[in-house]
Every structure is written in C-alpha cells, then in structure tokens.
Amino acid sequence: MYRRILVPVDGSGTSMLGLKQALGLAQDQRARVRVLNVIDQLVVASAMDAYAGADAGALLQSLEAAGKDAIKAAGALAKQSKVTADTAQVPSRGRHVSDVILDDARKWRADLIV
C-alpha cells in the first residue's frame, strides 16, 4: 500500500500522463501526492557553452515560469481528482535532475516515484 507518491513534472505530455496515473493510484490507495518540478540549471550551463551570447538569467526565468505552469496544472488536476497534493519547485544547484528527485523522495519519505 502506498501512502506517499512523488510525481516529478516538467509540463511535458509524458509527465502529465504519469501524473494522471499517480492520481488514480492515489485515489485507490488513499495516498498523498507531492508534485515536484526541478529547475535544471545544468541545461543553462550547457546553453551558455553552446551559445556564447545567451542570457542565462532569461533562460532561468523561462525554466522557472514553465515549471510553475506545470505545477499549477498538476495541482488543478489533483484537486479535480480529489487528491491531496503538495507542490514544490526546487533548483538543481548544479546536480543532475534525477539526483534531486531521489533526494526529495528520501526527504519526503515517498513510497513511490511516478
């Protein structure tokens, strides 16, 4: 039985499909959901290497805004599904997104990551 389900989202169709599956499981198991968006700062560093004139600040703001939109859509879907959902957006701080997700899962004591 799952009590805590972590769902990383990035606004893509794939992550939203995962969220829908997680919400269905949460309804069935009476579990809580945590929707997580990670701002991938390594992408910004890569862009700076590839495009010398790129504006790092603007790119970070764009990633943050897109992540907030994804979280907002996920929260609305959770509410519609009558599932209790916490939401969070965290920076990667130079780490791989997968490591940030695993760290968050440990801290939140997730039973499952979808």
N, C-alpha and C. Protein backbone atom coordinates (compact mmCIF):
# COMPACT_ATOMS: atom_id res chain seq x y z
N MET A 1 0.84 -1.18 0.00
CA MET A 1 0.00 0.00 0.00
C MET A 1 0.89 1.25 0.00
N TYR A 2 0.57 2.18 -0.85
CA TYR A 2 1.33 3.42 -0.96
C TYR A 2 0.64 4.52 -0.17
N ARG A 3 1.43 5.30 0.55
CA ARG A 3 0.91 6.43 1.31
C ARG A 3 1.38 7.76 0.74
N ARG A 4 2.58 7.76 0.13
CA ARG A 4 3.19 8.99 -0.37
C ARG A 4 3.76 8.73 -1.76
N ILE A 5 3.23 9.46 -2.73
CA ILE A 5 3.64 9.26 -4.12
C ILE A 5 4.25 10.57 -4.63
N LEU A 6 5.50 10.50 -5.05
CA LEU A 6 6.20 11.66 -5.60
C LEU A 6 6.06 11.64 -7.12
N VAL A 7 5.66 12.79 -7.67
CA VAL A 7 5.47 12.88 -9.11
C VAL A 7 6.24 14.09 -9.65
N PRO A 8 7.42 13.86 -10.23
CA PRO A 8 8.13 14.97 -10.87
C PRO A 8 7.42 15.35 -12.18
N VAL A 9 7.25 16.64 -12.40
CA VAL A 9 6.62 17.11 -13.63
C VAL A 9 7.48 18.18 -14.28
N ASP A 10 7.40 18.20 -15.62
CA ASP A 10 8.11 19.24 -16.37
C ASP A 10 7.20 19.91 -17.39
N GLY A 11 5.92 19.57 -17.35
CA GLY A 11 4.97 20.17 -18.28
C GLY A 11 4.81 19.38 -19.57
N SER A 12 5.62 18.37 -19.77
CA SER A 12 5.52 17.57 -20.99
C SER A 12 4.29 16.66 -20.92
N GLY A 13 3.86 16.21 -22.07
CA GLY A 13 2.74 15.28 -22.13
C GLY A 13 3.03 14.01 -21.35
N THR A 14 4.26 13.55 -21.42
CA THR A 14 4.65 12.33 -20.71
C THR A 14 4.53 12.50 -19.20
N SER A 15 5.02 13.63 -18.68
CA SER A 15 4.93 13.82 -17.23
C SER A 15 3.48 13.98 -16.78
N MET A 16 2.65 14.58 -17.62
CA MET A 16 1.23 14.72 -17.25
C MET A 16 0.51 13.38 -17.29
N LEU A 17 0.90 12.50 -18.20
CA LEU A 17 0.34 11.15 -18.21
C LEU A 17 0.74 10.41 -16.94
N GLY A 18 1.99 10.57 -16.53
CA GLY A 18 2.45 9.97 -15.28
C GLY A 18 1.67 10.50 -14.10
N LEU A 19 1.41 11.80 -14.10
CA LEU A 19 0.63 12.41 -13.02
C LEU A 19 -0.77 11.81 -12.96
N LYS A 20 -1.40 11.65 -14.11
CA LYS A 20 -2.75 11.07 -14.13
C LYS A 20 -2.75 9.66 -13.56
N GLN A 21 -1.74 8.87 -13.91
CA GLN A 21 -1.62 7.52 -13.36
C GLN A 21 -1.42 7.57 -11.85
N ALA A 22 -0.56 8.48 -11.40
CA ALA A 22 -0.29 8.62 -9.97
C ALA A 22 -1.54 9.05 -9.21
N LEU A 23 -2.32 9.95 -9.79
CA LEU A 23 -3.54 10.41 -9.13
C LEU A 23 -4.57 9.28 -9.02
N GLY A 24 -4.66 8.46 -10.06
CA GLY A 24 -5.55 7.30 -10.00
C GLY A 24 -5.12 6.34 -8.91
N LEU A 25 -3.83 6.11 -8.82
CA LEU A 25 -3.29 5.23 -7.78
C LEU A 25 -3.51 5.84 -6.40
N ALA A 26 -3.31 7.15 -6.29
CA ALA A 26 -3.52 7.84 -5.01
C ALA A 26 -4.98 7.74 -4.56
N GLN A 27 -5.91 7.86 -5.50
CA GLN A 27 -7.32 7.71 -5.16
C GLN A 27 -7.58 6.31 -4.62
N ASP A 28 -7.07 5.31 -5.32
CA ASP A 28 -7.27 3.92 -4.94
C ASP A 28 -6.64 3.60 -3.59
N GLN A 29 -5.45 4.13 -3.35
CA GLN A 29 -4.69 3.82 -2.14
C GLN A 29 -4.90 4.83 -1.01
N ARG A 30 -5.66 5.88 -1.31
CA ARG A 30 -5.86 6.98 -0.35
C ARG A 30 -4.52 7.57 0.07
N ALA A 31 -3.69 7.81 -0.93
CA ALA A 31 -2.34 8.31 -0.71
C ALA A 31 -2.26 9.81 -0.96
N ARG A 32 -1.22 10.41 -0.43
CA ARG A 32 -0.91 11.81 -0.71
C ARG A 32 0.05 11.85 -1.89
N VAL A 33 0.02 12.96 -2.59
CA VAL A 33 0.89 13.16 -3.75
C VAL A 33 1.72 14.41 -3.52
N ARG A 34 2.96 14.34 -3.95
CA ARG A 34 3.83 15.53 -3.97
C ARG A 34 4.25 15.73 -5.41
N VAL A 35 3.89 16.88 -5.94
CA VAL A 35 4.26 17.25 -7.31
C VAL A 35 5.52 18.10 -7.22
N LEU A 36 6.55 17.65 -7.93
CA LEU A 36 7.85 18.30 -7.86
C LEU A 36 8.31 18.76 -9.25
N ASN A 37 8.78 19.98 -9.30
CA ASN A 37 9.41 20.48 -10.53
C ASN A 37 10.83 20.89 -10.17
N VAL A 38 11.78 20.43 -10.97
CA VAL A 38 13.19 20.76 -10.74
C VAL A 38 13.66 21.70 -11.85
N ILE A 39 14.18 22.84 -11.46
CA ILE A 39 14.75 23.79 -12.42
C ILE A 39 16.15 23.28 -12.75
N ASP A 40 16.33 22.84 -13.97
CA ASP A 40 17.57 22.20 -14.40
C ASP A 40 18.62 23.26 -14.76
N GLN A 41 19.44 23.60 -13.79
CA GLN A 41 20.46 24.62 -14.02
C GLN A 41 21.60 24.13 -14.90
N LEU A 42 21.75 22.81 -15.02
CA LEU A 42 22.77 22.27 -15.91
C LEU A 42 22.44 22.56 -17.37
N VAL A 43 21.15 22.64 -17.68
CA VAL A 43 20.73 23.00 -19.04
C VAL A 43 21.19 24.41 -19.37
N VAL A 44 21.09 25.29 -18.39
CA VAL A 44 21.52 26.68 -18.60
C VAL A 44 23.02 26.72 -18.84
N ALA A 45 23.77 25.96 -18.05
CA ALA A 45 25.23 25.93 -18.22
C ALA A 45 25.59 25.40 -19.61
N SER A 46 24.88 24.38 -20.05
CA SER A 46 25.13 23.83 -21.39
C SER A 46 24.82 24.86 -22.47
N ALA A 47 23.73 25.59 -22.28
CA ALA A 47 23.34 26.62 -23.26
C ALA A 47 24.39 27.72 -23.33
N MET A 48 24.97 28.04 -22.20
CA MET A 48 25.99 29.09 -22.17
C MET A 48 27.22 28.64 -22.96
N ASP A 49 27.54 27.35 -22.87
CA ASP A 49 28.67 26.82 -23.63
C ASP A 49 28.37 26.82 -25.13
N ALA A 50 27.14 26.47 -25.49
CA ALA A 50 26.78 26.32 -26.90
C ALA A 50 26.50 27.67 -27.57
N TYR A 51 25.92 28.60 -26.82
CA TYR A 51 25.52 29.89 -27.39
C TYR A 51 26.16 31.00 -26.58
N ALA A 52 27.26 31.50 -27.06
CA ALA A 52 28.05 32.48 -26.32
C ALA A 52 27.26 33.72 -25.91
N GLY A 53 26.30 34.13 -26.71
CA GLY A 53 25.55 35.34 -26.41
C GLY A 53 24.25 35.11 -25.64
N ALA A 54 24.03 33.88 -25.18
CA ALA A 54 22.77 33.56 -24.49
C ALA A 54 22.68 34.28 -23.15
N ASP A 55 21.48 34.63 -22.76
CA ASP A 55 21.22 35.33 -21.49
C ASP A 55 20.80 34.29 -20.45
N ALA A 56 21.72 33.96 -19.54
CA ALA A 56 21.47 32.92 -18.53
C ALA A 56 20.28 33.28 -17.64
N GLY A 57 20.19 34.54 -17.26
CA GLY A 57 19.09 34.97 -16.39
C GLY A 57 17.73 34.78 -17.04
N ALA A 58 17.64 35.14 -18.31
CA ALA A 58 16.38 34.99 -19.04
C ALA A 58 16.01 33.52 -19.20
N LEU A 59 17.01 32.69 -19.46
CA LEU A 59 16.75 31.26 -19.61
C LEU A 59 16.28 30.64 -18.29
N LEU A 60 16.92 31.01 -17.20
CA LEU A 60 16.49 30.51 -15.89
C LEU A 60 15.07 30.97 -15.56
N GLN A 61 14.75 32.22 -15.86
CA GLN A 61 13.39 32.72 -15.62
C GLN A 61 12.38 31.96 -16.45
N SER A 62 12.73 31.64 -17.68
CA SER A 62 11.85 30.89 -18.56
C SER A 62 11.60 29.47 -18.01
N LEU A 63 12.67 28.82 -17.55
CA LEU A 63 12.53 27.48 -16.97
C LEU A 63 11.67 27.51 -15.71
N GLU A 64 11.89 28.53 -14.89
CA GLU A 64 11.11 28.67 -13.66
C GLU A 64 9.63 28.91 -13.97
N ALA A 65 9.34 29.76 -14.92
CA ALA A 65 7.95 30.05 -15.29
C ALA A 65 7.26 28.82 -15.87
N ALA A 66 7.96 28.09 -16.72
CA ALA A 66 7.38 26.87 -17.30
C ALA A 66 7.13 25.84 -16.20
N GLY A 67 8.03 25.75 -15.25
CA GLY A 67 7.84 24.82 -14.13
C GLY A 67 6.66 25.20 -13.27
N LYS A 68 6.50 26.49 -13.02
CA LYS A 68 5.34 26.95 -12.23
C LYS A 68 4.04 26.65 -12.95
N ASP A 69 4.03 26.80 -14.27
CA ASP A 69 2.84 26.46 -15.06
C ASP A 69 2.52 24.96 -14.94
N ALA A 70 3.56 24.14 -14.99
CA ALA A 70 3.38 22.69 -14.87
C ALA A 70 2.82 22.33 -13.49
N ILE A 71 3.36 22.96 -12.46
CA ILE A 71 2.89 22.71 -11.10
C ILE A 71 1.44 23.16 -10.94
N LYS A 72 1.12 24.31 -11.50
CA LYS A 72 -0.25 24.82 -11.40
C LYS A 72 -1.23 23.87 -12.09
N ALA A 73 -0.88 23.39 -13.27
CA ALA A 73 -1.74 22.44 -13.99
C ALA A 73 -1.87 21.13 -13.20
N ALA A 74 -0.77 20.68 -12.62
CA ALA A 74 -0.79 19.45 -11.84
C ALA A 74 -1.65 19.61 -10.59
N GLY A 75 -1.52 20.74 -9.93
CA GLY A 75 -2.34 21.00 -8.73
C GLY A 75 -3.83 21.04 -9.05
N ALA A 76 -4.16 21.64 -10.18
CA ALA A 76 -5.57 21.70 -10.60
C ALA A 76 -6.11 20.31 -10.90
N LEU A 77 -5.29 19.49 -11.54
CA LEU A 77 -5.71 18.13 -11.86
C LEU A 77 -5.88 17.30 -10.58
N ALA A 78 -4.99 17.50 -9.62
CA ALA A 78 -5.10 16.79 -8.34
C ALA A 78 -6.37 17.21 -7.61
N LYS A 79 -6.65 18.50 -7.60
CA LYS A 79 -7.86 19.00 -6.94
C LYS A 79 -9.10 18.42 -7.61
N GLN A 80 -9.10 18.41 -8.92
CA GLN A 80 -10.22 17.84 -9.68
C GLN A 80 -10.39 16.35 -9.36
N SER A 81 -9.28 15.67 -9.10
CA SER A 81 -9.32 14.24 -8.78
C SER A 81 -9.57 13.98 -7.30
N LYS A 82 -9.68 15.07 -6.52
CA LYS A 82 -9.90 14.98 -5.07
C LYS A 82 -8.78 14.24 -4.36
N VAL A 83 -7.56 14.57 -4.76
CA VAL A 83 -6.37 14.00 -4.16
C VAL A 83 -5.59 15.14 -3.50
N THR A 84 -5.16 14.92 -2.25
CA THR A 84 -4.35 15.90 -1.56
C THR A 84 -2.96 15.92 -2.19
N ALA A 85 -2.54 17.10 -2.63
CA ALA A 85 -1.25 17.21 -3.31
C ALA A 85 -0.47 18.40 -2.78
N ASP A 86 0.78 18.15 -2.40
CA ASP A 86 1.72 19.21 -2.08
C ASP A 86 2.46 19.52 -3.38
N THR A 87 2.92 20.75 -3.52
CA THR A 87 3.69 21.09 -4.71
C THR A 87 4.98 21.78 -4.30
N ALA A 88 6.02 21.58 -5.10
CA ALA A 88 7.30 22.23 -4.82
C ALA A 88 8.07 22.42 -6.11
N GLN A 89 8.82 23.51 -6.14
CA GLN A 89 9.75 23.76 -7.23
C GLN A 89 11.11 24.01 -6.60
N VAL A 90 12.11 23.26 -7.05
CA VAL A 90 13.44 23.39 -6.47
C VAL A 90 14.49 23.52 -7.58
N PRO A 91 15.55 24.27 -7.31
CA PRO A 91 16.64 24.36 -8.29
C PRO A 91 17.54 23.13 -8.19
N SER A 92 18.18 22.78 -9.28
CA SER A 92 19.06 21.61 -9.27
C SER A 92 20.39 21.91 -8.58
N ARG A 93 20.76 23.17 -8.51
CA ARG A 93 22.02 23.59 -7.88
C ARG A 93 23.21 22.83 -8.44
N GLY A 94 23.22 22.66 -9.76
CA GLY A 94 24.34 22.03 -10.43
C GLY A 94 24.33 20.51 -10.39
N ARG A 95 23.30 19.93 -9.78
CA ARG A 95 23.20 18.47 -9.73
C ARG A 95 22.31 17.98 -10.85
N HIS A 96 22.40 16.70 -11.15
CA HIS A 96 21.51 16.11 -12.14
C HIS A 96 20.10 16.09 -11.58
N VAL A 97 19.12 16.31 -12.44
CA VAL A 97 17.72 16.33 -12.02
C VAL A 97 17.34 15.03 -11.31
N SER A 98 17.80 13.91 -11.83
CA SER A 98 17.46 12.62 -11.21
C SER A 98 17.96 12.54 -9.77
N ASP A 99 19.12 13.10 -9.49
CA ASP A 99 19.64 13.10 -8.11
C ASP A 99 18.79 13.98 -7.19
N VAL A 100 18.32 15.10 -7.72
CA VAL A 100 17.47 16.00 -6.94
C VAL A 100 16.14 15.30 -6.63
N ILE A 101 15.59 14.60 -7.61
CA ILE A 101 14.33 13.88 -7.41
C ILE A 101 14.50 12.80 -6.34
N LEU A 102 15.57 12.03 -6.43
CA LEU A 102 15.81 10.97 -5.44
C LEU A 102 16.03 11.54 -4.05
N ASP A 103 16.73 12.65 -3.96
CA ASP A 103 16.94 13.30 -2.67
C ASP A 103 15.62 13.78 -2.08
N ASP A 104 14.78 14.37 -2.92
CA ASP A 104 13.47 14.84 -2.45
C ASP A 104 12.60 13.67 -2.01
N ALA A 105 12.67 12.58 -2.74
CA ALA A 105 11.90 11.38 -2.38
C ALA A 105 12.31 10.86 -1.01
N ARG A 106 13.60 10.86 -0.75
CA ARG A 106 14.09 10.41 0.57
C ARG A 106 13.62 11.34 1.67
N LYS A 107 13.77 12.63 1.46
CA LYS A 107 13.39 13.61 2.48
C LYS A 107 11.90 13.59 2.76
N TRP A 108 11.09 13.43 1.73
CA TRP A 108 9.64 13.42 1.89
C TRP A 108 9.13 12.03 2.29
N ARG A 109 10.03 11.05 2.25
CA ARG A 109 9.72 9.66 2.57
C ARG A 109 8.66 9.08 1.63
N ALA A 110 8.90 9.28 0.35
CA ALA A 110 7.99 8.76 -0.68
C ALA A 110 8.06 7.24 -0.73
N ASP A 111 6.91 6.62 -0.90
CA ASP A 111 6.83 5.17 -1.10
C ASP A 111 7.01 4.81 -2.56
N LEU A 112 6.73 5.77 -3.44
CA LEU A 112 6.74 5.52 -4.87
C LEU A 112 7.06 6.81 -5.62
N ILE A 113 7.81 6.68 -6.70
CA ILE A 113 8.05 7.81 -7.61
C ILE A 113 7.43 7.43 -8.94
N VAL A 114 6.56 8.29 -9.45
CA VAL A 114 5.93 8.03 -10.76
C VAL A 114 6.49 9.04 -11.73
